[in-house]
Amino acid sequence: MSSKLKITLVRSPIGYNRRQRKTLKALGLRKISSSVTHTGTPEIKGMINAVKHLVTVEETDN
């Protein structure tokens, strides 16, 4: 079973390209310090990898 990932937006996407801003929106991150929880699927991990300089990721047990 895939683990849960808590993703937090820590930097502003202003000044980055449109594709990265759309990736953050697709993850559900809107404002700095907002957090979302997703299952650690390959698709989500790929999205995180595309914006890894803007977010922090923690594994949770839920």
PDB file of N, CA and C in Angstrom:
ATOM      1  N   MET A   1       0.836  -1.178   0.000  1.00  0.00           N
ATOM      2  CA  MET A   1       0.000   0.000   0.000  1.00  0.00           C
ATOM      3  C   MET A   1       0.885   1.246   0.000  1.00  0.00           C
ATOM      4  N   SER A   2       0.513   2.236  -0.758  1.00  0.00           N
ATOM      5  CA  SER A   2       1.281   3.476  -0.832  1.00  0.00           C
ATOM      6  C   SER A   2       1.080   4.296   0.432  1.00  0.00           C
ATOM      7  N   SER A   3       2.123   4.989   0.827  1.00  0.00           N
ATOM      8  CA  SER A   3       2.033   5.824   2.007  1.00  0.00           C
ATOM      9  C   SER A   3       1.357   7.149   1.659  1.00  0.00           C
ATOM     10  N   LYS A   4       0.963   7.857   2.692  1.00  0.00           N
ATOM     11  CA  LYS A   4       0.374   9.181   2.506  1.00  0.00           C
ATOM     12  C   LYS A   4       1.487  10.217   2.574  1.00  0.00           C
ATOM     13  N   LEU A   5       1.371  11.249   1.761  1.00  0.00           N
ATOM     14  CA  LEU A   5       2.352  12.323   1.715  1.00  0.00           C
ATOM     15  C   LEU A   5       1.679  13.636   2.070  1.00  0.00           C
ATOM     16  N   LYS A   6       2.261  14.371   2.999  1.00  0.00           N
ATOM     17  CA  LYS A   6       1.777  15.708   3.334  1.00  0.00           C
ATOM     18  C   LYS A   6       2.659  16.692   2.584  1.00  0.00           C
ATOM     19  N   ILE A   7       2.045  17.470   1.706  1.00  0.00           N
ATOM     20  CA  ILE A   7       2.774  18.401   0.847  1.00  0.00           C
ATOM     21  C   ILE A   7       2.422  19.820   1.295  1.00  0.00           C
ATOM     22  N   THR A   8       3.432  20.640   1.551  1.00  0.00           N
ATOM     23  CA  THR A   8       3.233  22.009   2.017  1.00  0.00           C
ATOM     24  C   THR A   8       3.928  22.971   1.071  1.00  0.00           C
ATOM     25  N   LEU A   9       3.216  24.015   0.664  1.00  0.00           N
ATOM     26  CA  LEU A   9       3.790  25.050  -0.190  1.00  0.00           C
ATOM     27  C   LEU A   9       4.602  26.001   0.686  1.00  0.00           C
ATOM     28  N   VAL A  10       5.899  26.130   0.411  1.00  0.00           N
ATOM     29  CA  VAL A  10       6.765  26.969   1.239  1.00  0.00           C
ATOM     30  C   VAL A  10       7.331  28.183   0.497  1.00  0.00           C
ATOM     31  N   ARG A  11       7.237  28.188  -0.830  1.00  0.00           N
ATOM     32  CA  ARG A  11       7.714  29.332  -1.605  1.00  0.00           C
ATOM     33  C   ARG A  11       6.649  29.738  -2.608  1.00  0.00           C
ATOM     34  N   SER A  12       6.637  31.007  -2.950  1.00  0.00           N
ATOM     35  CA  SER A  12       5.662  31.527  -3.895  1.00  0.00           C
ATOM     36  C   SER A  12       5.993  31.089  -5.323  1.00  0.00           C
ATOM     37  N   PRO A  13       4.966  30.723  -6.096  1.00  0.00           N
ATOM     38  CA  PRO A  13       5.204  30.347  -7.490  1.00  0.00           C
ATOM     39  C   PRO A  13       5.322  31.548  -8.434  1.00  0.00           C
ATOM     40  N   ILE A  14       5.223  32.761  -7.902  1.00  0.00           N
ATOM     41  CA  ILE A  14       5.351  33.950  -8.740  1.00  0.00           C
ATOM     42  C   ILE A  14       6.741  33.976  -9.352  1.00  0.00           C
ATOM     43  N   GLY A  15       6.811  34.183 -10.645  1.00  0.00           N
ATOM     44  CA  GLY A  15       8.082  34.239 -11.341  1.00  0.00           C
ATOM     45  C   GLY A  15       8.501  32.914 -11.948  1.00  0.00           C
ATOM     46  N   TYR A  16       7.761  31.848 -11.643  1.00  0.00           N
ATOM     47  CA  TYR A  16       8.040  30.551 -12.247  1.00  0.00           C
ATOM     48  C   TYR A  16       7.099  30.332 -13.416  1.00  0.00           C
ATOM     49  N   ASN A  17       7.417  29.357 -14.250  1.00  0.00           N
ATOM     50  CA  ASN A  17       6.631  29.213 -15.467  1.00  0.00           C
ATOM     51  C   ASN A  17       5.215  28.689 -15.190  1.00  0.00           C
ATOM     52  N   ARG A  18       4.359  28.853 -16.171  1.00  0.00           N
ATOM     53  CA  ARG A  18       2.944  28.532 -16.048  1.00  0.00           C
ATOM     54  C   ARG A  18       2.717  27.053 -15.730  1.00  0.00           C
ATOM     55  N   ARG A  19       3.543  26.200 -16.298  1.00  0.00           N
ATOM     56  CA  ARG A  19       3.384  24.759 -16.078  1.00  0.00           C
ATOM     57  C   ARG A  19       3.571  24.399 -14.599  1.00  0.00           C
ATOM     58  N   GLN A  20       4.545  25.031 -13.948  1.00  0.00           N
ATOM     59  CA  GLN A  20       4.756  24.772 -12.520  1.00  0.00           C
ATOM     60  C   GLN A  20       3.610  25.330 -11.685  1.00  0.00           C
ATOM     61  N   ARG A  21       3.092  26.481 -12.042  1.00  0.00           N
ATOM     62  CA  ARG A  21       1.947  27.043 -11.316  1.00  0.00           C
ATOM     63  C   ARG A  21       0.718  26.154 -11.465  1.00  0.00           C
ATOM     64  N   LYS A  22       0.513  25.595 -12.672  1.00  0.00           N
ATOM     65  CA  LYS A  22      -0.624  24.692 -12.889  1.00  0.00           C
ATOM     66  C   LYS A  22      -0.451  23.387 -12.120  1.00  0.00           C
ATOM     67  N   THR A  23       0.784  22.923 -11.983  1.00  0.00           N
ATOM     68  CA  THR A  23       1.044  21.714 -11.210  1.00  0.00           C
ATOM     69  C   THR A  23       0.680  21.931  -9.743  1.00  0.00           C
ATOM     70  N   LEU A  24       1.047  23.083  -9.191  1.00  0.00           N
ATOM     71  CA  LEU A  24       0.684  23.393  -7.808  1.00  0.00           C
ATOM     72  C   LEU A  24      -0.829  23.452  -7.645  1.00  0.00           C
ATOM     73  N   LYS A  25      -1.504  24.052  -8.609  1.00  0.00           N
ATOM     74  CA  LYS A  25      -2.957  24.143  -8.552  1.00  0.00           C
ATOM     75  C   LYS A  25      -3.589  22.747  -8.616  1.00  0.00           C
ATOM     76  N   ALA A  26      -3.035  21.875  -9.446  1.00  0.00           N
ATOM     77  CA  ALA A  26      -3.550  20.514  -9.565  1.00  0.00           C
ATOM     78  C   ALA A  26      -3.327  19.720  -8.279  1.00  0.00           C
ATOM     79  N   LEU A  27      -2.255  20.023  -7.559  1.00  0.00           N
ATOM     80  CA  LEU A  27      -2.014  19.368  -6.279  1.00  0.00           C
ATOM     81  C   LEU A  27      -2.945  19.899  -5.187  1.00  0.00           C
ATOM     82  N   GLY A  28      -3.544  21.062  -5.419  1.00  0.00           N
ATOM     83  CA  GLY A  28      -4.453  21.643  -4.437  1.00  0.00           C
ATOM     84  C   GLY A  28      -3.798  22.679  -3.550  1.00  0.00           C
ATOM     85  N   LEU A  29      -2.627  23.165  -3.958  1.00  0.00           N
ATOM     86  CA  LEU A  29      -1.901  24.158  -3.170  1.00  0.00           C
ATOM     87  C   LEU A  29      -2.170  25.547  -3.732  1.00  0.00           C
ATOM     88  N   ARG A  30      -2.703  26.423  -2.896  1.00  0.00           N
ATOM     89  CA  ARG A  30      -3.054  27.759  -3.357  1.00  0.00           C
ATOM     90  C   ARG A  30      -2.207  28.845  -2.696  1.00  0.00           C
ATOM     91  N   LYS A  31      -2.077  28.799  -1.371  1.00  0.00           N
ATOM     92  CA  LYS A  31      -1.381  29.844  -0.633  1.00  0.00           C
ATOM     93  C   LYS A  31      -0.163  29.268   0.073  1.00  0.00           C
ATOM     94  N   ILE A  32       0.799  30.128   0.369  1.00  0.00           N
ATOM     95  CA  ILE A  32       1.977  29.698   1.112  1.00  0.00           C
ATOM     96  C   ILE A  32       1.525  29.169   2.468  1.00  0.00           C
ATOM     97  N   SER A  33       2.139  28.098   2.906  1.00  0.00           N
ATOM     98  CA  SER A  33       1.841  27.384   4.153  1.00  0.00           C
ATOM     99  C   SER A  33       0.599  26.518   4.065  1.00  0.00           C
ATOM    100  N   SER A  34      -0.053  26.453   2.912  1.00  0.00           N
ATOM    101  CA  SER A  34      -1.186  25.538   2.775  1.00  0.00           C
ATOM    102  C   SER A  34      -0.639  24.131   2.592  1.00  0.00           C
ATOM    103  N   SER A  35      -1.369  23.155   3.121  1.00  0.00           N
ATOM    104  CA  SER A  35      -0.940  21.764   3.056  1.00  0.00           C
ATOM    105  C   SER A  35      -2.053  20.888   2.516  1.00  0.00           C
ATOM    106  N   VAL A  36      -1.673  19.838   1.834  1.00  0.00           N
ATOM    107  CA  VAL A  36      -2.612  18.837   1.345  1.00  0.00           C
ATOM    108  C   VAL A  36      -2.002  17.461   1.599  1.00  0.00           C
ATOM    109  N   THR A  37      -2.860  16.456   1.657  1.00  0.00           N
ATOM    110  CA  THR A  37      -2.404  15.083   1.831  1.00  0.00           C
ATOM    111  C   THR A  37      -2.837  14.274   0.620  1.00  0.00           C
ATOM    112  N   HIS A  38      -1.882  13.574   0.024  1.00  0.00           N
ATOM    113  CA  HIS A  38      -2.144  12.728  -1.133  1.00  0.00           C
ATOM    114  C   HIS A  38      -1.513  11.367  -0.913  1.00  0.00           C
ATOM    115  N   THR A  39      -2.045  10.376  -1.590  1.00  0.00           N
ATOM    116  CA  THR A  39      -1.431   9.059  -1.600  1.00  0.00           C
ATOM    117  C   THR A  39      -0.179   9.115  -2.469  1.00  0.00           C
ATOM    118  N   GLY A  40       0.854   8.396  -2.080  1.00  0.00           N
ATOM    119  CA  GLY A  40       2.138   8.451  -2.781  1.00  0.00           C
ATOM    120  C   GLY A  40       2.170   7.635  -4.054  1.00  0.00           C
ATOM    121  N   THR A  41       1.339   7.980  -5.025  1.00  0.00           N
ATOM    122  CA  THR A  41       1.328   7.286  -6.309  1.00  0.00           C
ATOM    123  C   THR A  41       2.433   7.844  -7.206  1.00  0.00           C
ATOM    124  N   PRO A  42       2.815   7.122  -8.247  1.00  0.00           N
ATOM    125  CA  PRO A  42       3.843   7.639  -9.166  1.00  0.00           C
ATOM    126  C   PRO A  42       3.459   8.974  -9.804  1.00  0.00           C
ATOM    127  N   GLU A  43       2.174   9.172 -10.070  1.00  0.00           N
ATOM    128  CA  GLU A  43       1.729  10.430 -10.682  1.00  0.00           C
ATOM    129  C   GLU A  43       1.956  11.608  -9.728  1.00  0.00           C
ATOM    130  N   ILE A  44       1.582  11.427  -8.473  1.00  0.00           N
ATOM    131  CA  ILE A  44       1.752  12.492  -7.481  1.00  0.00           C
ATOM    132  C   ILE A  44       3.236  12.749  -7.232  1.00  0.00           C
ATOM    133  N   LYS A  45       4.027  11.688  -7.155  1.00  0.00           N
ATOM    134  CA  LYS A  45       5.464  11.857  -6.939  1.00  0.00           C
ATOM    135  C   LYS A  45       6.112  12.597  -8.106  1.00  0.00           C
ATOM    136  N   GLY A  46       5.644  12.376  -9.317  1.00  0.00           N
ATOM    137  CA  GLY A  46       6.152  13.105 -10.473  1.00  0.00           C
ATOM    138  C   GLY A  46       5.798  14.581 -10.415  1.00  0.00           C
ATOM    139  N   MET A  47       4.580  14.867  -9.953  1.00  0.00           N
ATOM    140  CA  MET A  47       4.167  16.267  -9.806  1.00  0.00           C
ATOM    141  C   MET A  47       5.011  16.959  -8.735  1.00  0.00           C
ATOM    142  N   ILE A  48       5.264  16.258  -7.640  1.00  0.00           N
ATOM    143  CA  ILE A  48       6.100  16.821  -6.567  1.00  0.00           C
ATOM    144  C   ILE A  48       7.504  17.084  -7.095  1.00  0.00           C
ATOM    145  N   ASN A  49       8.038  16.171  -7.876  1.00  0.00           N
ATOM    146  CA  ASN A  49       9.382  16.332  -8.426  1.00  0.00           C
ATOM    147  C   ASN A  49       9.480  17.562  -9.326  1.00  0.00           C
ATOM    148  N   ALA A  50       8.397  17.903 -10.013  1.00  0.00           N
ATOM    149  CA  ALA A  50       8.400  19.060 -10.914  1.00  0.00           C
ATOM    150  C   ALA A  50       8.447  20.388 -10.156  1.00  0.00           C
ATOM    151  N   VAL A  51       7.967  20.393  -8.908  1.00  0.00           N
ATOM    152  CA  VAL A  51       7.925  21.635  -8.123  1.00  0.00           C
ATOM    153  C   VAL A  51       8.634  21.463  -6.777  1.00  0.00           C
ATOM    154  N   LYS A  52       9.632  20.583  -6.726  1.00  0.00           N
ATOM    155  CA  LYS A  52      10.293  20.265  -5.462  1.00  0.00           C
ATOM    156  C   LYS A  52      10.986  21.465  -4.823  1.00  0.00           C
ATOM    157  N   HIS A  53      11.315  22.479  -5.592  1.00  0.00           N
ATOM    158  CA  HIS A  53      11.957  23.677  -5.065  1.00  0.00           C
ATOM    159  C   HIS A  53      10.952  24.621  -4.396  1.00  0.00           C
ATOM    160  N   LEU A  54       9.665  24.336  -4.514  1.00  0.00           N
ATOM    161  CA  LEU A  54       8.622  25.193  -3.932  1.00  0.00           C
ATOM    162  C   LEU A  54       7.891  24.544  -2.765  1.00  0.00           C
ATOM    163  N   VAL A  55       8.075  23.256  -2.558  1.00  0.00           N
ATOM    164  CA  VAL A  55       7.292  22.522  -1.555  1.00  0.00           C
ATOM    165  C   VAL A  55       8.192  21.717  -0.620  1.00  0.00           C
ATOM    166  N   THR A  56       7.621  21.331   0.522  1.00  0.00           N
ATOM    167  CA  THR A  56       8.256  20.344   1.393  1.00  0.00           C
ATOM    168  C   THR A  56       7.294  19.153   1.457  1.00  0.00           C
ATOM    169  N   VAL A  57       7.866  17.964   1.636  1.00  0.00           N
ATOM    170  CA  VAL A  57       7.072  16.738   1.645  1.00  0.00           C
ATOM    171  C   VAL A  57       7.425  15.926   2.881  1.00  0.00           C
ATOM    172  N   GLU A  58       6.383  15.447   3.572  1.00  0.00           N
ATOM    173  CA  GLU A  58       6.565  14.585   4.743  1.00  0.00           C
ATOM    174  C   GLU A  58       5.710  13.345   4.556  1.00  0.00           C
ATOM    175  N   GLU A  59       6.233  12.209   4.995  1.00  0.00           N
ATOM    176  CA  GLU A  59       5.437  10.978   4.962  1.00  0.00           C
ATOM    177  C   GLU A  59       4.629  10.902   6.245  1.00  0.00           C
ATOM    178  N   THR A  60       3.376  10.488   6.121  1.00  0.00           N
ATOM    179  CA  THR A  60       2.516  10.295   7.282  1.00  0.00           C
ATOM    180  C   THR A  60       2.020   8.862   7.301  1.00  0.00           C
ATOM    181  N   ASP A  61       1.554   8.417   8.448  1.00  0.00           N
ATOM    182  CA  ASP A  61       1.106   7.047   8.610  1.00  0.00           C
ATOM    183  C   ASP A  61      -0.372   6.849   8.295  1.00  0.00           C
ATOM    184  N   ASN A  62      -1.119   7.923   8.134  1.00  0.00           N
ATOM    185  CA  ASN A  62      -2.565   7.815   7.924  1.00  0.00           C
ATOM    186  C   ASN A  62      -2.833   7.113   6.670  1.00  0.00           C
TER     187      ASN A  62
END
